[in-house]
Amino acid sequence: MDIIRIILALLLPPVGVFLQVGFGAQFWINVILTILGYIPGIIHALYVIVKYR
């Protein structure tokens, strides 16, 4: 399942974070980072997916 989350994190970072942690603070941080810049959103999404295994 982590592979699917990683692929989604590369395409749509907030979706990957949502599947990992739900509608928490990490999700909203990722939404803001993705709006400000796509690359920071991807980096944060990958970090969340790896950290919250």
C-alpha atoms as a PDB file:
ATOM      1  CA  MET A   1       0.000   0.000   0.000  1.00  0.00           C
ATOM      2  CA  ASP A   2       2.952   2.353   0.554  1.00  0.00           C
ATOM      3  CA  ILE A   3       3.777   2.194  -3.154  1.00  0.00           C
ATOM      4  CA  ILE A   4       0.310   3.494  -4.033  1.00  0.00           C
ATOM      5  CA  ARG A   5       0.645   6.299  -1.490  1.00  0.00           C
ATOM      6  CA  ILE A   6       4.057   7.274  -2.857  1.00  0.00           C
ATOM      7  CA  ILE A   7       2.749   7.369  -6.420  1.00  0.00           C
ATOM      8  CA  LEU A   8      -0.199   9.494  -5.299  1.00  0.00           C
ATOM      9  CA  ALA A   9       2.180  11.740  -3.349  1.00  0.00           C
ATOM     10  CA  LEU A  10       4.104  12.397  -6.555  1.00  0.00           C
ATOM     11  CA  LEU A  11       0.959  13.164  -8.550  1.00  0.00           C
ATOM     12  CA  LEU A  12      -1.309  14.766  -5.918  1.00  0.00           C
ATOM     13  CA  PRO A  13       0.561  15.276  -2.640  1.00  0.00           C
ATOM     14  CA  PRO A  14      -2.468  16.027  -0.398  1.00  0.00           C
ATOM     15  CA  VAL A  15      -4.163  12.788  -1.454  1.00  0.00           C
ATOM     16  CA  GLY A  16      -1.143  10.732  -0.406  1.00  0.00           C
ATOM     17  CA  VAL A  17      -1.046  12.476   2.972  1.00  0.00           C
ATOM     18  CA  PHE A  18      -4.798  12.061   3.434  1.00  0.00           C
ATOM     19  CA  LEU A  19      -4.558   8.308   2.845  1.00  0.00           C
ATOM     20  CA  GLN A  20      -1.789   8.089   5.445  1.00  0.00           C
ATOM     21  CA  VAL A  21      -3.027  10.341   8.275  1.00  0.00           C
ATOM     22  CA  GLY A  22      -6.523  11.580   7.378  1.00  0.00           C
ATOM     23  CA  PHE A  23      -7.758  15.156   7.858  1.00  0.00           C
ATOM     24  CA  GLY A  24      -5.211  16.174  10.475  1.00  0.00           C
ATOM     25  CA  ALA A  25      -2.714  18.958  10.811  1.00  0.00           C
ATOM     26  CA  GLN A  26      -0.282  17.210   8.444  1.00  0.00           C
ATOM     27  CA  PHE A  27      -2.905  17.191   5.697  1.00  0.00           C
ATOM     28  CA  TRP A  28      -3.565  20.925   5.963  1.00  0.00           C
ATOM     29  CA  ILE A  29       0.150  21.723   6.116  1.00  0.00           C
ATOM     30  CA  ASN A  30       0.578  19.729   2.937  1.00  0.00           C
ATOM     31  CA  VAL A  31      -2.286  21.536   1.214  1.00  0.00           C
ATOM     32  CA  ILE A  32      -0.683  24.888   2.031  1.00  0.00           C
ATOM     33  CA  LEU A  33       2.759  23.723   0.882  1.00  0.00           C
ATOM     34  CA  THR A  34       1.306  22.366  -2.355  1.00  0.00           C
ATOM     35  CA  ILE A  35      -0.449  25.665  -3.041  1.00  0.00           C
ATOM     36  CA  LEU A  36       2.738  27.624  -2.349  1.00  0.00           C
ATOM     37  CA  GLY A  37       4.863  25.313  -4.461  1.00  0.00           C
ATOM     38  CA  TYR A  38       4.350  21.858  -5.879  1.00  0.00           C
ATOM     39  CA  ILE A  39       7.819  20.533  -4.971  1.00  0.00           C
ATOM     40  CA  PRO A  40       7.586  21.398  -1.235  1.00  0.00           C
ATOM     41  CA  GLY A  41       4.222  19.620  -1.180  1.00  0.00           C
ATOM     42  CA  ILE A  42       5.756  16.502  -2.688  1.00  0.00           C
ATOM     43  CA  ILE A  43       8.689  16.539  -0.264  1.00  0.00           C
ATOM     44  CA  HIS A  44       6.381  16.935   2.729  1.00  0.00           C
ATOM     45  CA  ALA A  45       4.042  14.201   1.473  1.00  0.00           C
ATOM     46  CA  LEU A  46       6.910  11.748   1.069  1.00  0.00           C
ATOM     47  CA  TYR A  47       8.183  12.671   4.529  1.00  0.00           C
ATOM     48  CA  VAL A  48       4.769  12.034   6.105  1.00  0.00           C
ATOM     49  CA  ILE A  49       4.326   8.712   4.304  1.00  0.00           C
ATOM     50  CA  VAL A  50       7.749   7.453   5.404  1.00  0.00           C
ATOM     51  CA  LYS A  51       7.440   8.784   8.971  1.00  0.00           C
ATOM     52  CA  TYR A  52       3.944   7.449   9.762  1.00  0.00           C
ATOM     53  CA  ARG A  53       4.345   3.857   8.559  1.00  0.00           C
END
